[in-house]
Amino acid sequence: MKLKSKNELYCLVNEDYISEFDSSHQAFMKNIYYKHYSKFVNAIGSRKLSKSEFFKNMRRRRIKLYQVE
C-alpha cells in the first residue's frame, strides 16, 4: 500500500483507501472496520447499516472511521 503523503498520520477509511489493499487483505480489514462500527452504533443506540451498505459511499456517512498510519 502506498501512502500519499509521508507525513500523514491519519487516513480516512473510505472506498479509495480500502481499494489500495490486495483482495484478501481487503476482506480482513473490512471485517475489522465493520466490527468497530458495530460496537460504536450499539453503544450510542443508533441503527446499524448492513455491511454492504456501510461500505458504500463511506465518505458521505455521518460516522467516519480513521486509520492511524
PDB file of N, CA and C in Angstrom:
ATOM      1  N   MET A   1       0.830  -1.169   0.000  1.00  0.00           N
ATOM      2  CA  MET A   1       0.000   0.000   0.000  1.00  0.00           C
ATOM      3  C   MET A   1       0.879   1.238   0.000  1.00  0.00           C
ATOM      4  N   LYS A   2       0.528   2.225  -0.811  1.00  0.00           N
ATOM      5  CA  LYS A   2       1.305   3.451  -0.914  1.00  0.00           C
ATOM      6  C   LYS A   2       0.658   4.555  -0.097  1.00  0.00           C
ATOM      7  N   LEU A   3       1.485   5.313   0.605  1.00  0.00           N
ATOM      8  CA  LEU A   3       0.995   6.497   1.299  1.00  0.00           C
ATOM      9  C   LEU A   3       1.081   7.679   0.351  1.00  0.00           C
ATOM     10  N   LYS A   4       0.076   8.528   0.383  1.00  0.00           N
ATOM     11  CA  LYS A   4       0.065   9.695  -0.496  1.00  0.00           C
ATOM     12  C   LYS A   4       0.985  10.787   0.011  1.00  0.00           C
ATOM     13  N   SER A   5       1.146  10.857   1.303  1.00  0.00           N
ATOM     14  CA  SER A   5       1.988  11.865   1.905  1.00  0.00           C
ATOM     15  C   SER A   5       2.812  11.202   2.997  1.00  0.00           C
ATOM     16  N   LYS A   6       4.082  11.490   3.033  1.00  0.00           N
ATOM     17  CA  LYS A   6       4.945  10.834   4.019  1.00  0.00           C
ATOM     18  C   LYS A   6       4.683  11.309   5.440  1.00  0.00           C
ATOM     19  N   ASN A   7       4.082  12.487   5.603  1.00  0.00           N
ATOM     20  CA  ASN A   7       3.843  12.984   6.957  1.00  0.00           C
ATOM     21  C   ASN A   7       2.375  12.846   7.376  1.00  0.00           C
ATOM     22  N   GLU A   8       1.599  12.062   6.683  1.00  0.00           N
ATOM     23  CA  GLU A   8       0.201  11.845   7.017  1.00  0.00           C
ATOM     24  C   GLU A   8       0.100  10.795   8.127  1.00  0.00           C
ATOM     25  N   LEU A   9      -0.579  11.146   9.221  1.00  0.00           N
ATOM     26  CA  LEU A   9      -0.725  10.222  10.339  1.00  0.00           C
ATOM     27  C   LEU A   9      -2.059   9.504  10.341  1.00  0.00           C
ATOM     28  N   TYR A  10      -3.112  10.168   9.879  1.00  0.00           N
ATOM     29  CA  TYR A  10      -4.455   9.604   9.884  1.00  0.00           C
ATOM     30  C   TYR A  10      -4.990   9.560   8.463  1.00  0.00           C
ATOM     31  N   CYS A  11      -5.629   8.465   8.129  1.00  0.00           N
ATOM     32  CA  CYS A  11      -6.258   8.336   6.818  1.00  0.00           C
ATOM     33  C   CYS A  11      -7.742   8.051   7.014  1.00  0.00           C
ATOM     34  N   LEU A  12      -8.573   8.763   6.272  1.00  0.00           N
ATOM     35  CA  LEU A  12     -10.000   8.493   6.281  1.00  0.00           C
ATOM     36  C   LEU A  12     -10.222   7.139   5.620  1.00  0.00           C
ATOM     37  N   VAL A  13     -10.940   6.266   6.294  1.00  0.00           N
ATOM     38  CA  VAL A  13     -11.244   4.954   5.734  1.00  0.00           C
ATOM     39  C   VAL A  13     -12.452   5.127   4.828  1.00  0.00           C
ATOM     40  N   ASN A  14     -12.216   4.988   3.535  1.00  0.00           N
ATOM     41  CA  ASN A  14     -13.292   5.073   2.551  1.00  0.00           C
ATOM     42  C   ASN A  14     -12.975   4.107   1.412  1.00  0.00           C
ATOM     43  N   GLU A  15     -13.765   4.161   0.359  1.00  0.00           N
ATOM     44  CA  GLU A  15     -13.592   3.223  -0.750  1.00  0.00           C
ATOM     45  C   GLU A  15     -12.197   3.323  -1.380  1.00  0.00           C
ATOM     46  N   ASP A  16     -11.688   4.539  -1.529  1.00  0.00           N
ATOM     47  CA  ASP A  16     -10.363   4.715  -2.134  1.00  0.00           C
ATOM     48  C   ASP A  16      -9.275   4.099  -1.269  1.00  0.00           C
ATOM     49  N   TYR A  17      -9.351   4.327   0.028  1.00  0.00           N
ATOM     50  CA  TYR A  17      -8.349   3.796   0.946  1.00  0.00           C
ATOM     51  C   TYR A  17      -8.375   2.266   0.940  1.00  0.00           C
ATOM     52  N   ILE A  18      -9.558   1.690   1.039  1.00  0.00           N
ATOM     53  CA  ILE A  18      -9.684   0.230   1.080  1.00  0.00           C
ATOM     54  C   ILE A  18      -9.227  -0.406  -0.231  1.00  0.00           C
ATOM     55  N   SER A  19      -9.437   0.263  -1.335  1.00  0.00           N
ATOM     56  CA  SER A  19      -9.059  -0.299  -2.642  1.00  0.00           C
ATOM     57  C   SER A  19      -7.551  -0.449  -2.803  1.00  0.00           C
ATOM     58  N   GLU A  20      -6.772   0.198  -1.956  1.00  0.00           N
ATOM     59  CA  GLU A  20      -5.316   0.086  -2.049  1.00  0.00           C
ATOM     60  C   GLU A  20      -4.782  -1.224  -1.467  1.00  0.00           C
ATOM     61  N   PHE A  21      -5.604  -1.949  -0.707  1.00  0.00           N
ATOM     62  CA  PHE A  21      -5.203  -3.243  -0.166  1.00  0.00           C
ATOM     63  C   PHE A  21      -5.422  -4.325  -1.217  1.00  0.00           C
ATOM     64  N   ASP A  22      -4.657  -5.430  -1.115  1.00  0.00           N
ATOM     65  CA  ASP A  22      -4.947  -6.551  -2.017  1.00  0.00           C
ATOM     66  C   ASP A  22      -6.254  -7.206  -1.548  1.00  0.00           C
ATOM     67  N   SER A  23      -6.844  -8.037  -2.375  1.00  0.00           N
ATOM     68  CA  SER A  23      -8.212  -8.519  -2.134  1.00  0.00           C
ATOM     69  C   SER A  23      -8.369  -9.300  -0.830  1.00  0.00           C
ATOM     70  N   SER A  24      -7.398 -10.146  -0.477  1.00  0.00           N
ATOM     71  CA  SER A  24      -7.538 -10.907   0.769  1.00  0.00           C
ATOM     72  C   SER A  24      -7.399  -9.990   1.985  1.00  0.00           C
ATOM     73  N   HIS A  25      -6.537  -9.007   1.882  1.00  0.00           N
ATOM     74  CA  HIS A  25      -6.371  -8.056   2.986  1.00  0.00           C
ATOM     75  C   HIS A  25      -7.592  -7.135   3.094  1.00  0.00           C
ATOM     76  N   GLN A  26      -8.221  -6.825   1.969  1.00  0.00           N
ATOM     77  CA  GLN A  26      -9.443  -6.018   1.980  1.00  0.00           C
ATOM     78  C   GLN A  26     -10.520  -6.687   2.823  1.00  0.00           C
ATOM     79  N   ALA A  27     -10.744  -7.961   2.604  1.00  0.00           N
ATOM     80  CA  ALA A  27     -11.775  -8.690   3.348  1.00  0.00           C
ATOM     81  C   ALA A  27     -11.464  -8.682   4.842  1.00  0.00           C
ATOM     82  N   PHE A  28     -10.211  -8.894   5.196  1.00  0.00           N
ATOM     83  CA  PHE A  28      -9.786  -8.895   6.592  1.00  0.00           C
ATOM     84  C   PHE A  28     -10.023  -7.524   7.229  1.00  0.00           C
ATOM     85  N   MET A  29      -9.609  -6.465   6.554  1.00  0.00           N
ATOM     86  CA  MET A  29      -9.751  -5.112   7.093  1.00  0.00           C
ATOM     87  C   MET A  29     -11.215  -4.688   7.164  1.00  0.00           C
ATOM     88  N   LYS A  30     -12.013  -5.075   6.173  1.00  0.00           N
ATOM     89  CA  LYS A  30     -13.436  -4.741   6.210  1.00  0.00           C
ATOM     90  C   LYS A  30     -14.110  -5.364   7.422  1.00  0.00           C
ATOM     91  N   ASN A  31     -13.731  -6.592   7.765  1.00  0.00           N
ATOM     92  CA  ASN A  31     -14.285  -7.227   8.960  1.00  0.00           C
ATOM     93  C   ASN A  31     -13.926  -6.442  10.214  1.00  0.00           C
ATOM     94  N   ILE A  32     -12.683  -6.002  10.304  1.00  0.00           N
ATOM     95  CA  ILE A  32     -12.240  -5.224  11.460  1.00  0.00           C
ATOM     96  C   ILE A  32     -12.984  -3.896  11.527  1.00  0.00           C
ATOM     97  N   TYR A  33     -13.040  -3.165  10.412  1.00  0.00           N
ATOM     98  CA  TYR A  33     -13.721  -1.867  10.397  1.00  0.00           C
ATOM     99  C   TYR A  33     -15.204  -2.014  10.751  1.00  0.00           C
ATOM    100  N   TYR A  34     -15.847  -3.044  10.222  1.00  0.00           N
ATOM    101  CA  TYR A  34     -17.271  -3.232  10.493  1.00  0.00           C
ATOM    102  C   TYR A  34     -17.516  -3.602  11.960  1.00  0.00           C
ATOM    103  N   LYS A  35     -16.620  -4.371  12.564  1.00  0.00           N
ATOM    104  CA  LYS A  35     -16.751  -4.703  13.987  1.00  0.00           C
ATOM    105  C   LYS A  35     -16.672  -3.444  14.850  1.00  0.00           C
ATOM    106  N   HIS A  36     -15.721  -2.550  14.530  1.00  0.00           N
ATOM    107  CA  HIS A  36     -15.594  -1.303  15.286  1.00  0.00           C
ATOM    108  C   HIS A  36     -16.835  -0.430  15.094  1.00  0.00           C
ATOM    109  N   TYR A  37     -17.304  -0.345  13.872  1.00  0.00           N
ATOM    110  CA  TYR A  37     -18.521   0.414  13.576  1.00  0.00           C
ATOM    111  C   TYR A  37     -19.708  -0.164  14.353  1.00  0.00           C
ATOM    112  N   SER A  38     -19.864  -1.474  14.359  1.00  0.00           N
ATOM    113  CA  SER A  38     -20.976  -2.139  15.039  1.00  0.00           C
ATOM    114  C   SER A  38     -20.948  -1.855  16.538  1.00  0.00           C
ATOM    115  N   LYS A  39     -19.776  -1.943  17.151  1.00  0.00           N
ATOM    116  CA  LYS A  39     -19.658  -1.660  18.582  1.00  0.00           C
ATOM    117  C   LYS A  39     -20.079  -0.223  18.881  1.00  0.00           C
ATOM    118  N   PHE A  40     -19.648   0.692  18.024  1.00  0.00           N
ATOM    119  CA  PHE A  40     -19.953   2.100  18.242  1.00  0.00           C
ATOM    120  C   PHE A  40     -21.447   2.375  18.135  1.00  0.00           C
ATOM    121  N   VAL A  41     -22.093   1.904  17.074  1.00  0.00           N
ATOM    122  CA  VAL A  41     -23.528   2.183  16.919  1.00  0.00           C
ATOM    123  C   VAL A  41     -24.354   1.490  18.000  1.00  0.00           C
ATOM    124  N   ASN A  42     -23.920   0.324  18.456  1.00  0.00           N
ATOM    125  CA  ASN A  42     -24.617  -0.331  19.564  1.00  0.00           C
ATOM    126  C   ASN A  42     -24.485   0.505  20.840  1.00  0.00           C
ATOM    127  N   ALA A  43     -23.312   1.088  21.058  1.00  0.00           N
ATOM    128  CA  ALA A  43     -23.075   1.884  22.262  1.00  0.00           C
ATOM    129  C   ALA A  43     -23.903   3.166  22.270  1.00  0.00           C
ATOM    130  N   ILE A  44     -24.108   3.771  21.096  1.00  0.00           N
ATOM    131  CA  ILE A  44     -24.866   5.027  21.057  1.00  0.00           C
ATOM    132  C   ILE A  44     -26.347   4.797  20.752  1.00  0.00           C
ATOM    133  N   GLY A  45     -26.718   3.551  20.501  1.00  0.00           N
ATOM    134  CA  GLY A  45     -28.120   3.222  20.249  1.00  0.00           C
ATOM    135  C   GLY A  45     -28.628   3.649  18.888  1.00  0.00           C
ATOM    136  N   SER A  46     -27.748   3.687  17.916  1.00  0.00           N
ATOM    137  CA  SER A  46     -28.118   4.081  16.561  1.00  0.00           C
ATOM    138  C   SER A  46     -28.445   2.844  15.726  1.00  0.00           C
ATOM    139  N   ARG A  47     -29.125   3.074  14.607  1.00  0.00           N
ATOM    140  CA  ARG A  47     -29.468   1.979  13.691  1.00  0.00           C
ATOM    141  C   ARG A  47     -28.212   1.551  12.921  1.00  0.00           C
ATOM    142  N   LYS A  48     -27.952   0.253  12.898  1.00  0.00           N
ATOM    143  CA  LYS A  48     -26.761  -0.274  12.218  1.00  0.00           C
ATOM    144  C   LYS A  48     -27.090  -0.581  10.769  1.00  0.00           C
ATOM    145  N   LEU A  49     -26.206  -0.134   9.867  1.00  0.00           N
ATOM    146  CA  LEU A  49     -26.335  -0.452   8.450  1.00  0.00           C
ATOM    147  C   LEU A  49     -25.819  -1.860   8.186  1.00  0.00           C
ATOM    148  N   SER A  50     -26.284  -2.470   7.118  1.00  0.00           N
ATOM    149  CA  SER A  50     -25.725  -3.760   6.704  1.00  0.00           C
ATOM    150  C   SER A  50     -24.281  -3.526   6.276  1.00  0.00           C
ATOM    151  N   LYS A  51     -23.526  -4.593   6.233  1.00  0.00           N
ATOM    152  CA  LYS A  51     -22.108  -4.470   5.876  1.00  0.00           C
ATOM    153  C   LYS A  51     -21.941  -3.863   4.486  1.00  0.00           C
ATOM    154  N   SER A  52     -22.736  -4.313   3.526  1.00  0.00           N
ATOM    155  CA  SER A  52     -22.606  -3.785   2.160  1.00  0.00           C
ATOM    156  C   SER A  52     -22.997  -2.312   2.098  1.00  0.00           C
ATOM    157  N   GLU A  53     -24.043  -1.922   2.838  1.00  0.00           N
ATOM    158  CA  GLU A  53     -24.453  -0.516   2.864  1.00  0.00           C
ATOM    159  C   GLU A  53     -23.409   0.355   3.549  1.00  0.00           C
ATOM    160  N   PHE A  54     -22.817  -0.170   4.611  1.00  0.00           N
ATOM    161  CA  PHE A  54     -21.804   0.592   5.334  1.00  0.00           C
ATOM    162  C   PHE A  54     -20.607   0.931   4.441  1.00  0.00           C
ATOM    163  N   PHE A  55     -20.191   0.004   3.614  1.00  0.00           N
ATOM    164  CA  PHE A  55     -19.020   0.228   2.765  1.00  0.00           C
ATOM    165  C   PHE A  55     -19.354   0.934   1.449  1.00  0.00           C
ATOM    166  N   LYS A  56     -20.607   1.321   1.259  1.00  0.00           N
ATOM    167  CA  LYS A  56     -20.998   2.071   0.066  1.00  0.00           C
ATOM    168  C   LYS A  56     -21.066   3.556   0.433  1.00  0.00           C
ATOM    169  N   ASN A  57     -20.413   4.422  -0.336  1.00  0.00           N
ATOM    170  CA  ASN A  57     -20.414   5.869  -0.088  1.00  0.00           C
ATOM    171  C   ASN A  57     -19.954   6.227   1.323  1.00  0.00           C
ATOM    172  N   MET A  58     -18.866   5.633   1.757  1.00  0.00           N
ATOM    173  CA  MET A  58     -18.391   5.822   3.127  1.00  0.00           C
ATOM    174  C   MET A  58     -18.074   7.280   3.460  1.00  0.00           C
ATOM    175  N   ARG A  59     -17.573   8.026   2.507  1.00  0.00           N
ATOM    176  CA  ARG A  59     -17.191   9.411   2.806  1.00  0.00           C
ATOM    177  C   ARG A  59     -18.403  10.298   3.078  1.00  0.00           C
ATOM    178  N   ARG A  60     -19.599   9.822   2.720  1.00  0.00           N
ATOM    179  CA  ARG A  60     -20.824  10.601   2.946  1.00  0.00           C
ATOM    180  C   ARG A  60     -21.539  10.216   4.230  1.00  0.00           C
ATOM    181  N   ARG A  61     -21.045   9.237   4.929  1.00  0.00           N
ATOM    182  CA  ARG A  61     -21.690   8.767   6.158  1.00  0.00           C
ATOM    183  C   ARG A  61     -21.433   9.725   7.309  1.00  0.00           C
ATOM    184  N   ARG A  62     -22.369   9.734   8.238  1.00  0.00           N
ATOM    185  CA  ARG A  62     -22.224  10.570   9.423  1.00  0.00           C
ATOM    186  C   ARG A  62     -21.108  10.044  10.331  1.00  0.00           C
ATOM    187  N   ILE A  63     -20.984   8.730  10.423  1.00  0.00           N
ATOM    188  CA  ILE A  63     -19.935   8.106  11.224  1.00  0.00           C
ATOM    189  C   ILE A  63     -18.772   7.781  10.297  1.00  0.00           C
ATOM    190  N   LYS A  64     -17.606   8.330  10.604  1.00  0.00           N
ATOM    191  CA  LYS A  64     -16.422   8.120   9.772  1.00  0.00           C
ATOM    192  C   LYS A  64     -15.344   7.396  10.584  1.00  0.00           C
ATOM    193  N   LEU A  65     -14.632   6.524   9.935  1.00  0.00           N
ATOM    194  CA  LEU A  65     -13.517   5.819  10.569  1.00  0.00           C
ATOM    195  C   LEU A  65     -12.207   6.374  10.033  1.00  0.00           C
ATOM    196  N   TYR A  66     -11.214   6.468  10.896  1.00  0.00           N
ATOM    197  CA  TYR A  66      -9.871   6.892  10.505  1.00  0.00           C
ATOM    198  C   TYR A  66      -8.888   5.829  10.904  1.00  0.00           C
ATOM    199  N   GLN A  67      -7.902   5.606  10.056  1.00  0.00           N
ATOM    200  CA  GLN A  67      -6.845   4.630  10.299  1.00  0.00           C
ATOM    201  C   GLN A  67      -5.579   5.397  10.648  1.00  0.00           C
ATOM    202  N   VAL A  68      -4.950   5.030  11.752  1.00  0.00           N
ATOM    203  CA  VAL A  68      -3.670   5.629  12.128  1.00  0.00           C
ATOM    204  C   VAL A  68      -2.590   4.902  11.346  1.00  0.00           C
ATOM    205  N   GLU A  69      -1.781   5.654  10.655  1.00  0.00           N
ATOM    206  CA  GLU A  69      -0.701   5.081   9.841  1.00  0.00           C
ATOM    207  C   GLU A  69       0.556   4.895  10.657  1.00  0.00           C
TER     208      GLU A  69
END
